[in-house]
Amino acid sequence: MLTVVQGKEKHNLTLDDRTRVSDVKAQLEPITGVPAKGQRLLVKGKERDDSVVLSSIGVKAGSKVMLLFTKEYQARAFSRPAVSNKDSTDTEGSGGPLAEQHTIPVIVEITVGGEGESPYAVLMIKSGSKEHAGRYHVKCMNGNVTIRDVKEAVGRTTSVKPQYMRLLAKGRQVPDESTIEEVAGPQSTLEMLMLFKYGYHMQVEGSVWLKQRQDEMSSLKAKLERMENSLNHRGGDLAEFLMQLTKVGEVVGSYLESVDHVTVNESLLPEMKRLKEDLLAADEKVKELNSRVPLI
C-alpha cells in the first residue's frame, strides 16, 4: 500500500512495480474530487512527471508521498464540508451513509466597533474550510467599522492572518477599506462567504507536515541512541542492526529532501530551521554508526 498525505488526511492506495504517478492521481480523483490536472504529487520532496514509474525512484509498499493542489483547485478541495462519523456504519471509501452526513456548523458570535445594545449591522459569514468550518456572526456596532476590522476580529478567533482572507458579498470580493455603512447599511443583515487566498492552504499543509515530523524526531533520536548503545556493547544481531539502521537512514533522508520544499507561515520558520538541524544531526549519526559497523 502507498500512503498519500493530504494535510491532516491520509489515503491508502494500491501499489505495484508498474504504478505510475498518473495511476496514483487517477485513484485520488474520486477520493478528493479533484481531477488529475489539479493534483501535485511530491515524492521525496519533488514533484514528479505523470509518466514516472514510482518503483524506479525508490517508492515501495509503505512509502509516503505528499498531495498538494494547484491554485485553481485549492479552494474547492479545502471547502468540502466536514463529515460526521456519528451513528454511521459506513466504512471508509464505501460512499454510503457516511458520505451524506455532515456536521452542523459551529456559530461564533463576534462584536466589532465597541459596545452597545443594538448593532449597526450584522454580518453572517460562512466558511466551508475544513480547518475553520462554521459560521461567524459579526455584530458591527457602528457604520465606520471596515472590512479590515472584521477580518482582524475573525482572525483572532481562527488564527488566520487577515491578508489570507477573502470576504465575498453577493458574489463579489469586498475591499478591505470598505465600511459597513457602504456595504450593508443600518439595521441590516448581510450574508458573506469567507475564502482563503492562494498560499494559505499550502501553509496549513506545511504546518501539519512540520508538526508530524517534530513528533517523529523524538522517537528517531531515541532509536538512534538505543542503536548506538547496542553498538557500543556489541549486542544483538548484526544483520538486524544494519537493516534497522538502513530504515532509519531512509526516513531521515526522505525528510531532508522535503524540508526545504515545505511552505509554512513565517512564524514557524524558526521551528522549521530547528527541524532541519535535527534531521542533519540524525543523518550524521546514521552515517557514523554505519561507518563503525565493520569494526565489530
C-alpha atoms as a PDB file:
ATOM      1  CA  MET A   1       0.000   0.000   0.000  1.00  0.00           C
ATOM      2  CA  LEU A   2       1.069   3.579  -0.696  1.00  0.00           C
ATOM      3  CA  THR A   3       0.130   6.301   1.809  1.00  0.00           C
ATOM      4  CA  VAL A   4      -0.744   9.688   0.330  1.00  0.00           C
ATOM      5  CA  VAL A   5      -0.694  12.524   2.878  1.00  0.00           C
ATOM      6  CA  GLN A   6      -3.073  15.413   2.168  1.00  0.00           C
ATOM      7  CA  GLY A   7      -2.936  17.907   5.016  1.00  0.00           C
ATOM      8  CA  LYS A   8      -4.430  16.073   8.013  1.00  0.00           C
ATOM      9  CA  GLU A   9      -5.843  13.289   5.842  1.00  0.00           C
ATOM     10  CA  LYS A  10      -4.176  10.079   4.729  1.00  0.00           C
ATOM     11  CA  HIS A  11      -5.237   7.960   1.757  1.00  0.00           C
ATOM     12  CA  ASN A  12      -4.029   4.355   1.388  1.00  0.00           C
ATOM     13  CA  LEU A  13      -3.775   3.310  -2.256  1.00  0.00           C
ATOM     14  CA  THR A  14      -2.803   0.140  -4.106  1.00  0.00           C
ATOM     15  CA  LEU A  15       0.732  -0.007  -5.466  1.00  0.00           C
ATOM     16  CA  ASP A  16       2.750  -2.390  -7.623  1.00  0.00           C
ATOM     17  CA  ASP A  17       6.012  -2.285  -9.555  1.00  0.00           C
ATOM     18  CA  ARG A  18       4.317  -0.732 -12.611  1.00  0.00           C
ATOM     19  CA  THR A  19       2.346   2.020 -10.849  1.00  0.00           C
ATOM     20  CA  ARG A  20       2.949   5.444 -12.368  1.00  0.00           C
ATOM     21  CA  VAL A  21       2.299   8.893 -10.918  1.00  0.00           C
ATOM     22  CA  SER A  22      -0.693   9.162 -13.269  1.00  0.00           C
ATOM     23  CA  ASP A  23      -2.156   5.949 -11.802  1.00  0.00           C
ATOM     24  CA  VAL A  24      -1.971   7.389  -8.294  1.00  0.00           C
ATOM     25  CA  LYS A  25      -3.694  10.588  -9.416  1.00  0.00           C
ATOM     26  CA  ALA A  26      -6.428   8.519 -11.055  1.00  0.00           C
ATOM     27  CA  GLN A  27      -7.049   6.705  -7.755  1.00  0.00           C
ATOM     28  CA  LEU A  28      -7.122  10.001  -5.862  1.00  0.00           C
ATOM     29  CA  GLU A  29      -9.605  11.719  -8.190  1.00  0.00           C
ATOM     30  CA  PRO A  30     -12.785  10.087  -6.808  1.00  0.00           C
ATOM     31  CA  ILE A  31     -11.471  10.402  -3.240  1.00  0.00           C
ATOM     32  CA  THR A  32     -10.597  14.108  -3.323  1.00  0.00           C
ATOM     33  CA  GLY A  33     -12.980  15.291  -6.021  1.00  0.00           C
ATOM     34  CA  VAL A  34     -10.026  16.975  -7.733  1.00  0.00           C
ATOM     35  CA  PRO A  35      -9.095  15.855 -11.276  1.00  0.00           C
ATOM     36  CA  ALA A  36      -5.589  14.674 -12.056  1.00  0.00           C
ATOM     37  CA  LYS A  37      -4.669  18.008 -13.677  1.00  0.00           C
ATOM     38  CA  GLY A  38      -5.325  19.757 -10.365  1.00  0.00           C
ATOM     39  CA  GLN A  39      -3.144  17.417  -8.301  1.00  0.00           C
ATOM     40  CA  ARG A  40       0.547  17.765  -7.413  1.00  0.00           C
ATOM     41  CA  LEU A  41       2.311  14.698  -6.033  1.00  0.00           C
ATOM     42  CA  LEU A  42       5.536  15.312  -4.132  1.00  0.00           C
ATOM     43  CA  VAL A  43       7.700  12.218  -3.938  1.00  0.00           C
ATOM     44  CA  LYS A  44      10.751  12.605  -1.691  1.00  0.00           C
ATOM     45  CA  GLY A  45      10.221  16.358  -1.721  1.00  0.00           C
ATOM     46  CA  LYS A  46       9.983  16.767  -5.501  1.00  0.00           C
ATOM     47  CA  GLU A  47       7.037  16.953  -7.882  1.00  0.00           C
ATOM     48  CA  ARG A  48       7.223  14.109 -10.401  1.00  0.00           C
ATOM     49  CA  ASP A  49       6.048  13.816 -14.000  1.00  0.00           C
ATOM     50  CA  ASP A  50       2.911  11.736 -14.592  1.00  0.00           C
ATOM     51  CA  SER A  51       4.854   9.170 -16.638  1.00  0.00           C
ATOM     52  CA  VAL A  52       7.314   8.321 -13.841  1.00  0.00           C
ATOM     53  CA  VAL A  53       7.099   4.750 -12.528  1.00  0.00           C
ATOM     54  CA  LEU A  54       7.191   5.032  -8.739  1.00  0.00           C
ATOM     55  CA  SER A  55       9.309   1.926  -8.198  1.00  0.00           C
ATOM     56  CA  SER A  56      12.015   3.455 -10.414  1.00  0.00           C
ATOM     57  CA  ILE A  57      12.572   6.248  -7.860  1.00  0.00           C
ATOM     58  CA  GLY A  58      12.553   4.023  -4.804  1.00  0.00           C
ATOM     59  CA  VAL A  59       8.869   4.163  -3.850  1.00  0.00           C
ATOM     60  CA  LYS A  60       7.660   0.865  -2.425  1.00  0.00           C
ATOM     61  CA  ALA A  61       4.942  -0.556  -0.186  1.00  0.00           C
ATOM     62  CA  GLY A  62       4.730   1.510   2.982  1.00  0.00           C
ATOM     63  CA  SER A  63       6.158   4.652   1.376  1.00  0.00           C
ATOM     64  CA  LYS A  64       4.533   8.065   1.856  1.00  0.00           C
ATOM     65  CA  VAL A  65       4.045  10.860  -0.673  1.00  0.00           C
ATOM     66  CA  MET A  66       2.507  14.328  -0.244  1.00  0.00           C
ATOM     67  CA  LEU A  67      -0.525  15.575  -2.163  1.00  0.00           C
ATOM     68  CA  LEU A  68      -0.994  19.270  -2.940  1.00  0.00           C
ATOM     69  CA  PHE A  69      -3.436  21.009  -5.275  1.00  0.00           C
ATOM     70  CA  THR A  70      -2.915  23.591  -7.989  1.00  0.00           C
ATOM     71  CA  LYS A  71      -4.169  27.131  -7.387  1.00  0.00           C
ATOM     72  CA  GLU A  72      -7.317  26.516  -9.418  1.00  0.00           C
ATOM     73  CA  TYR A  73      -8.490  23.646  -7.211  1.00  0.00           C
ATOM     74  CA  GLN A  74      -7.283  24.635  -3.742  1.00  0.00           C
ATOM     75  CA  ALA A  75     -10.449  26.427  -2.656  1.00  0.00           C
ATOM     76  CA  ARG A  76     -12.604  23.541  -3.889  1.00  0.00           C
ATOM     77  CA  ALA A  77     -10.502  20.884  -2.170  1.00  0.00           C
ATOM     78  CA  PHE A  78     -10.432  22.676   1.164  1.00  0.00           C
ATOM     79  CA  SER A  79     -14.060  23.781   1.145  1.00  0.00           C
ATOM     80  CA  ARG A  80     -15.609  20.340   1.314  1.00  0.00           C
ATOM     81  CA  PRO A  81     -17.973  20.096   4.321  1.00  0.00           C
ATOM     82  CA  ALA A  82     -16.771  18.206   7.364  1.00  0.00           C
ATOM     83  CA  VAL A  83     -18.093  14.670   7.749  1.00  0.00           C
ATOM     84  CA  SER A  84     -19.529  13.252  10.949  1.00  0.00           C
ATOM     85  CA  ASN A  85     -18.842   9.650  11.967  1.00  0.00           C
ATOM     86  CA  LYS A  86     -21.661   9.524  14.461  1.00  0.00           C
ATOM     87  CA  ASP A  87     -24.418   6.967  14.037  1.00  0.00           C
ATOM     88  CA  SER A  88     -22.928   5.625  10.841  1.00  0.00           C
ATOM     89  CA  THR A  89     -21.990   2.091   9.912  1.00  0.00           C
ATOM     90  CA  ASP A  90     -20.389   3.142   6.664  1.00  0.00           C
ATOM     91  CA  THR A  91     -16.776   2.172   6.068  1.00  0.00           C
ATOM     92  CA  GLU A  92     -14.125   4.418   4.612  1.00  0.00           C
ATOM     93  CA  GLY A  93     -14.466   4.915   0.908  1.00  0.00           C
ATOM     94  CA  SER A  94     -17.747   2.982   0.522  1.00  0.00           C
ATOM     95  CA  GLY A  95     -19.752   6.062  -0.424  1.00  0.00           C
ATOM     96  CA  GLY A  96     -22.638   5.031   1.851  1.00  0.00           C
ATOM     97  CA  PRO A  97     -24.458   6.992   4.578  1.00  0.00           C
ATOM     98  CA  LEU A  98     -21.222   8.425   5.945  1.00  0.00           C
ATOM     99  CA  ALA A  99     -20.688  10.467   2.805  1.00  0.00           C
ATOM    100  CA  GLU A 100     -24.089  12.129   3.224  1.00  0.00           C
ATOM    101  CA  GLN A 101     -23.914  13.100   6.905  1.00  0.00           C
ATOM    102  CA  HIS A 102     -22.397  16.487   7.683  1.00  0.00           C
ATOM    103  CA  THR A 103     -21.743  18.192  10.986  1.00  0.00           C
ATOM    104  CA  ILE A 104     -23.793  21.203  11.962  1.00  0.00           C
ATOM    105  CA  PRO A 105     -21.611  24.310  11.516  1.00  0.00           C
ATOM    106  CA  VAL A 106     -20.467  25.986  14.720  1.00  0.00           C
ATOM    107  CA  ILE A 107     -21.711  29.570  15.162  1.00  0.00           C
ATOM    108  CA  VAL A 108     -19.228  32.042  16.625  1.00  0.00           C
ATOM    109  CA  GLU A 109     -20.517  35.395  17.875  1.00  0.00           C
ATOM    110  CA  ILE A 110     -18.090  38.318  17.402  1.00  0.00           C
ATOM    111  CA  THR A 111     -18.563  42.019  18.249  1.00  0.00           C
ATOM    112  CA  VAL A 112     -16.591  44.762  16.487  1.00  0.00           C
ATOM    113  CA  GLY A 113     -16.571  48.530  16.983  1.00  0.00           C
ATOM    114  CA  GLY A 114     -17.359  48.992  20.644  1.00  0.00           C
ATOM    115  CA  GLU A 115     -20.270  48.118  22.906  1.00  0.00           C
ATOM    116  CA  GLY A 116     -23.976  48.791  22.763  1.00  0.00           C
ATOM    117  CA  GLU A 117     -27.413  47.259  22.941  1.00  0.00           C
ATOM    118  CA  SER A 118     -28.104  47.221  19.236  1.00  0.00           C
ATOM    119  CA  PRO A 119     -25.602  46.661  16.406  1.00  0.00           C
ATOM    120  CA  TYR A 120     -25.473  48.907  13.379  1.00  0.00           C
ATOM    121  CA  ALA A 121     -25.434  45.791  11.161  1.00  0.00           C
ATOM    122  CA  VAL A 122     -24.747  42.066  11.405  1.00  0.00           C
ATOM    123  CA  LEU A 123     -22.529  40.140   9.008  1.00  0.00           C
ATOM    124  CA  MET A 124     -23.357  36.445   8.732  1.00  0.00           C
ATOM    125  CA  ILE A 125     -20.103  34.983   7.421  1.00  0.00           C
ATOM    126  CA  LYS A 126     -19.973  31.383   6.241  1.00  0.00           C
ATOM    127  CA  SER A 127     -16.750  29.398   5.901  1.00  0.00           C
ATOM    128  CA  GLY A 128     -16.583  25.928   4.400  1.00  0.00           C
ATOM    129  CA  SER A 129     -12.869  25.458   5.052  1.00  0.00           C
ATOM    130  CA  LYS A 130     -12.132  22.190   6.836  1.00  0.00           C
ATOM    131  CA  GLU A 131      -9.768  23.952   9.216  1.00  0.00           C
ATOM    132  CA  HIS A 132     -12.260  26.699  10.110  1.00  0.00           C
ATOM    133  CA  ALA A 133     -15.663  25.232   9.269  1.00  0.00           C
ATOM    134  CA  GLY A 134     -18.531  27.207  10.755  1.00  0.00           C
ATOM    135  CA  ARG A 135     -20.416  30.482  10.719  1.00  0.00           C
ATOM    136  CA  TYR A 136     -19.293  33.793  12.165  1.00  0.00           C
ATOM    137  CA  HIS A 137     -21.996  36.243  13.202  1.00  0.00           C
ATOM    138  CA  VAL A 138     -20.176  39.562  13.382  1.00  0.00           C
ATOM    139  CA  LYS A 139     -22.049  42.382  15.140  1.00  0.00           C
ATOM    140  CA  CYS A 140     -20.758  45.705  13.817  1.00  0.00           C
ATOM    141  CA  MET A 141     -21.611  48.344  16.415  1.00  0.00           C
ATOM    142  CA  ASN A 142     -21.117  51.353  14.126  1.00  0.00           C
ATOM    143  CA  GLY A 143     -21.030  52.107  10.417  1.00  0.00           C
ATOM    144  CA  ASN A 144     -17.363  53.099  10.417  1.00  0.00           C
ATOM    145  CA  VAL A 145     -16.191  49.527  11.017  1.00  0.00           C
ATOM    146  CA  THR A 146     -14.187  48.402   7.982  1.00  0.00           C
ATOM    147  CA  ILE A 147     -13.908  45.004   6.338  1.00  0.00           C
ATOM    148  CA  ARG A 148     -10.301  45.000   7.527  1.00  0.00           C
ATOM    149  CA  ASP A 149     -11.572  45.360  11.124  1.00  0.00           C
ATOM    150  CA  VAL A 150     -13.897  42.422  10.546  1.00  0.00           C
ATOM    151  CA  LYS A 151     -11.080  40.254   9.157  1.00  0.00           C
ATOM    152  CA  GLU A 152      -8.876  41.061  12.142  1.00  0.00           C
ATOM    153  CA  ALA A 153     -11.670  40.133  14.547  1.00  0.00           C
ATOM    154  CA  VAL A 154     -12.334  36.834  12.773  1.00  0.00           C
ATOM    155  CA  GLY A 155      -8.582  36.268  12.614  1.00  0.00           C
ATOM    156  CA  ARG A 156      -8.327  36.442  16.406  1.00  0.00           C
ATOM    157  CA  THR A 157     -10.738  33.505  16.521  1.00  0.00           C
ATOM    158  CA  THR A 158      -9.311  31.444  13.662  1.00  0.00           C
ATOM    159  CA  SER A 159      -5.600  32.395  13.945  1.00  0.00           C
ATOM    160  CA  VAL A 160      -5.655  33.209  10.221  1.00  0.00           C
ATOM    161  CA  LYS A 161      -3.945  36.448   9.214  1.00  0.00           C
ATOM    162  CA  PRO A 162      -6.255  38.997   7.503  1.00  0.00           C
ATOM    163  CA  GLN A 163      -4.141  39.071   4.330  1.00  0.00           C
ATOM    164  CA  TYR A 164      -5.104  35.444   3.627  1.00  0.00           C
ATOM    165  CA  MET A 165      -8.859  36.068   3.913  1.00  0.00           C
ATOM    166  CA  ARG A 166     -11.292  36.967   1.158  1.00  0.00           C
ATOM    167  CA  LEU A 167     -14.765  38.176   2.124  1.00  0.00           C
ATOM    168  CA  LEU A 168     -17.387  37.977  -0.611  1.00  0.00           C
ATOM    169  CA  ALA A 169     -20.831  39.562  -0.678  1.00  0.00           C
ATOM    170  CA  LYS A 170     -23.275  38.839  -3.491  1.00  0.00           C
ATOM    171  CA  GLY A 171     -20.543  37.009  -5.385  1.00  0.00           C
ATOM    172  CA  ARG A 172     -18.010  39.851  -5.293  1.00  0.00           C
ATOM    173  CA  GLN A 173     -14.970  40.368  -3.099  1.00  0.00           C
ATOM    174  CA  VAL A 174     -15.354  43.327  -0.745  1.00  0.00           C
ATOM    175  CA  PRO A 175     -12.280  45.616  -0.437  1.00  0.00           C
ATOM    176  CA  ASP A 176     -10.651  45.915   2.993  1.00  0.00           C
ATOM    177  CA  GLU A 177     -11.188  49.674   3.145  1.00  0.00           C
ATOM    178  CA  SER A 178     -14.955  49.424   2.629  1.00  0.00           C
ATOM    179  CA  THR A 179     -17.020  50.437   5.655  1.00  0.00           C
ATOM    180  CA  ILE A 180     -20.070  48.593   6.930  1.00  0.00           C
ATOM    181  CA  GLU A 181     -22.125  51.707   6.152  1.00  0.00           C
ATOM    182  CA  GLU A 182     -21.123  51.321   2.490  1.00  0.00           C
ATOM    183  CA  VAL A 183     -21.547  47.564   2.372  1.00  0.00           C
ATOM    184  CA  ALA A 184     -24.615  46.780   4.484  1.00  0.00           C
ATOM    185  CA  GLY A 185     -26.387  49.885   5.720  1.00  0.00           C
ATOM    186  CA  PRO A 186     -28.056  50.480   9.125  1.00  0.00           C
ATOM    187  CA  GLN A 187     -30.032  47.762  10.947  1.00  0.00           C
ATOM    188  CA  SER A 188     -29.337  45.264   8.186  1.00  0.00           C
ATOM    189  CA  THR A 189     -28.067  41.709   7.924  1.00  0.00           C
ATOM    190  CA  LEU A 190     -25.617  40.755   5.200  1.00  0.00           C
ATOM    191  CA  GLU A 191     -24.606  37.225   4.268  1.00  0.00           C
ATOM    192  CA  MET A 192     -20.950  36.820   3.299  1.00  0.00           C
ATOM    193  CA  LEU A 193     -18.644  33.998   2.261  1.00  0.00           C
ATOM    194  CA  MET A 194     -15.116  33.637   3.620  1.00  0.00           C
ATOM    195  CA  LEU A 195     -12.497  32.103   1.333  1.00  0.00           C
ATOM    196  CA  PHE A 196      -8.736  31.893   1.648  1.00  0.00           C
ATOM    197  CA  LYS A 197      -6.161  33.228  -0.774  1.00  0.00           C
ATOM    198  CA  TYR A 198      -3.605  31.176  -2.662  1.00  0.00           C
ATOM    199  CA  GLY A 199      -0.737  30.205  -0.381  1.00  0.00           C
ATOM    200  CA  TYR A 200      -2.718  29.842   2.842  1.00  0.00           C
ATOM    201  CA  HIS A 201      -3.639  26.180   2.354  1.00  0.00           C
ATOM    202  CA  MET A 202      -0.095  25.304   1.363  1.00  0.00           C
ATOM    203  CA  GLN A 203       0.951  26.801   4.710  1.00  0.00           C
ATOM    204  CA  VAL A 204      -1.713  24.779   6.517  1.00  0.00           C
ATOM    205  CA  GLU A 205      -0.396  21.592   4.908  1.00  0.00           C
ATOM    206  CA  GLY A 206       3.146  22.673   5.714  1.00  0.00           C
ATOM    207  CA  SER A 207       2.348  23.286   9.378  1.00  0.00           C
ATOM    208  CA  VAL A 208       0.776  19.813   9.617  1.00  0.00           C
ATOM    209  CA  TRP A 209       3.851  18.272   7.980  1.00  0.00           C
ATOM    210  CA  LEU A 210       6.116  20.161  10.398  1.00  0.00           C
ATOM    211  CA  LYS A 211       4.149  19.008  13.455  1.00  0.00           C
ATOM    212  CA  GLN A 212       4.212  15.393  12.282  1.00  0.00           C
ATOM    213  CA  ARG A 213       7.970  15.477  11.715  1.00  0.00           C
ATOM    214  CA  GLN A 214       8.574  17.149  15.087  1.00  0.00           C
ATOM    215  CA  ASP A 215       6.587  14.393  16.793  1.00  0.00           C
ATOM    216  CA  GLU A 216       8.621  11.751  14.959  1.00  0.00           C
ATOM    217  CA  MET A 217      12.015  13.290  15.729  1.00  0.00           C
ATOM    218  CA  SER A 218      11.927  12.374  19.424  1.00  0.00           C
ATOM    219  CA  SER A 219      11.341   8.708  18.606  1.00  0.00           C
ATOM    220  CA  LEU A 220      14.021   8.773  15.878  1.00  0.00           C
ATOM    221  CA  LYS A 221      16.547  10.277  18.301  1.00  0.00           C
ATOM    222  CA  ALA A 222      15.665   7.684  20.948  1.00  0.00           C
ATOM    223  CA  LYS A 223      16.014   4.862  18.440  1.00  0.00           C
ATOM    224  CA  LEU A 224      19.418   6.088  17.291  1.00  0.00           C
ATOM    225  CA  GLU A 225      20.525   6.350  20.927  1.00  0.00           C
ATOM    226  CA  ARG A 226      19.451   2.750  21.587  1.00  0.00           C
ATOM    227  CA  MET A 227      21.228   1.600  18.453  1.00  0.00           C
ATOM    228  CA  GLU A 228      24.407   3.393  19.493  1.00  0.00           C
ATOM    229  CA  ASN A 229      24.273   1.741  22.915  1.00  0.00           C
ATOM    230  CA  SER A 230      23.784  -1.625  21.259  1.00  0.00           C
ATOM    231  CA  LEU A 231      26.765  -0.977  19.008  1.00  0.00           C
ATOM    232  CA  ASN A 232      28.928   0.124  21.941  1.00  0.00           C
ATOM    233  CA  HIS A 233      28.147  -3.077  23.821  1.00  0.00           C
ATOM    234  CA  ARG A 234      28.276  -5.183  20.652  1.00  0.00           C
ATOM    235  CA  GLY A 235      24.941  -6.747  21.451  1.00  0.00           C
ATOM    236  CA  GLY A 236      22.222  -8.064  19.188  1.00  0.00           C
ATOM    237  CA  ASP A 237      22.190  -9.418  15.672  1.00  0.00           C
ATOM    238  CA  LEU A 238      24.411  -7.510  13.214  1.00  0.00           C
ATOM    239  CA  ALA A 239      22.161  -8.151  10.200  1.00  0.00           C
ATOM    240  CA  GLU A 240      19.115  -6.890  12.087  1.00  0.00           C
ATOM    241  CA  PHE A 241      21.085  -3.850  13.267  1.00  0.00           C
ATOM    242  CA  LEU A 242      22.072  -2.951   9.712  1.00  0.00           C
ATOM    243  CA  MET A 243      18.505  -3.381   8.462  1.00  0.00           C
ATOM    244  CA  GLN A 244      17.116  -1.092  11.180  1.00  0.00           C
ATOM    245  CA  LEU A 245      19.861   1.468  10.607  1.00  0.00           C
ATOM    246  CA  THR A 246      19.108   1.495   6.874  1.00  0.00           C
ATOM    247  CA  LYS A 247      15.399   2.085   7.542  1.00  0.00           C
ATOM    248  CA  VAL A 248      16.143   4.998   9.872  1.00  0.00           C
ATOM    249  CA  GLY A 249      18.536   6.445   7.288  1.00  0.00           C
ATOM    250  CA  GLU A 250      15.893   6.239   4.564  1.00  0.00           C
ATOM    251  CA  VAL A 251      13.326   8.034   6.732  1.00  0.00           C
ATOM    252  CA  VAL A 252      15.736  10.792   7.714  1.00  0.00           C
ATOM    253  CA  GLY A 253      16.934  11.146   4.116  1.00  0.00           C
ATOM    254  CA  SER A 254      13.411  11.479   2.733  1.00  0.00           C
ATOM    255  CA  TYR A 255      12.561  14.186   5.285  1.00  0.00           C
ATOM    256  CA  LEU A 256      15.753  16.064   4.468  1.00  0.00           C
ATOM    257  CA  GLU A 257      14.787  16.056   0.793  1.00  0.00           C
ATOM    258  CA  SER A 258      11.384  17.517   1.665  1.00  0.00           C
ATOM    259  CA  VAL A 259      12.200  20.051   4.381  1.00  0.00           C
ATOM    260  CA  ASP A 260      13.330  22.829   2.007  1.00  0.00           C
ATOM    261  CA  HIS A 261      10.239  22.436  -0.194  1.00  0.00           C
ATOM    262  CA  VAL A 262       7.562  22.695   2.516  1.00  0.00           C
ATOM    263  CA  THR A 263       5.848  26.087   2.891  1.00  0.00           C
ATOM    264  CA  VAL A 264       4.976  27.294   6.390  1.00  0.00           C
ATOM    265  CA  ASN A 265       3.836  30.531   7.990  1.00  0.00           C
ATOM    266  CA  GLU A 266       6.649  32.980   8.740  1.00  0.00           C
ATOM    267  CA  SER A 267       6.154  32.447  12.484  1.00  0.00           C
ATOM    268  CA  LEU A 268       7.035  28.750  12.062  1.00  0.00           C
ATOM    269  CA  LEU A 269      10.274  29.317  10.147  1.00  0.00           C
ATOM    270  CA  PRO A 270      12.448  29.048  13.311  1.00  0.00           C
ATOM    271  CA  GLU A 271      10.829  25.695  14.110  1.00  0.00           C
ATOM    272  CA  MET A 272      11.420  24.506  10.547  1.00  0.00           C
ATOM    273  CA  LYS A 273      15.064  25.549  10.857  1.00  0.00           C
ATOM    274  CA  ARG A 274      15.440  23.579  14.100  1.00  0.00           C
ATOM    275  CA  LEU A 275      13.821  20.556  12.483  1.00  0.00           C
ATOM    276  CA  LYS A 276      16.299  20.698   9.613  1.00  0.00           C
ATOM    277  CA  GLU A 277      19.179  20.941  12.089  1.00  0.00           C
ATOM    278  CA  ASP A 278      17.830  17.904  13.975  1.00  0.00           C
ATOM    279  CA  LEU A 279      17.483  15.966  10.723  1.00  0.00           C
ATOM    280  CA  LEU A 280      21.036  16.835   9.662  1.00  0.00           C
ATOM    281  CA  ALA A 281      22.317  15.710  13.060  1.00  0.00           C
ATOM    282  CA  ALA A 282      20.364  12.451  12.782  1.00  0.00           C
ATOM    283  CA  ASP A 283      21.723  11.914   9.273  1.00  0.00           C
ATOM    284  CA  GLU A 284      25.283  12.365  10.558  1.00  0.00           C
ATOM    285  CA  LYS A 285      24.615   9.926  13.397  1.00  0.00           C
ATOM    286  CA  VAL A 286      23.336   7.312  10.933  1.00  0.00           C
ATOM    287  CA  LYS A 287      26.488   7.723   8.836  1.00  0.00           C
ATOM    288  CA  GLU A 288      28.683   7.497  11.931  1.00  0.00           C
ATOM    289  CA  LEU A 289      27.040   4.293  13.163  1.00  0.00           C
ATOM    290  CA  ASN A 290      27.182   2.800   9.696  1.00  0.00           C
ATOM    291  CA  SER A 291      30.928   3.522   9.483  1.00  0.00           C
ATOM    292  CA  ARG A 292      31.504   1.725  12.781  1.00  0.00           C
ATOM    293  CA  VAL A 293      29.656  -1.463  11.894  1.00  0.00           C
ATOM    294  CA  PRO A 294      32.607  -3.169  10.110  1.00  0.00           C
ATOM    295  CA  LEU A 295      34.698  -2.684  13.258  1.00  0.00           C
ATOM    296  CA  ILE A 296      32.521  -5.030  15.304  1.00  0.00           C
END
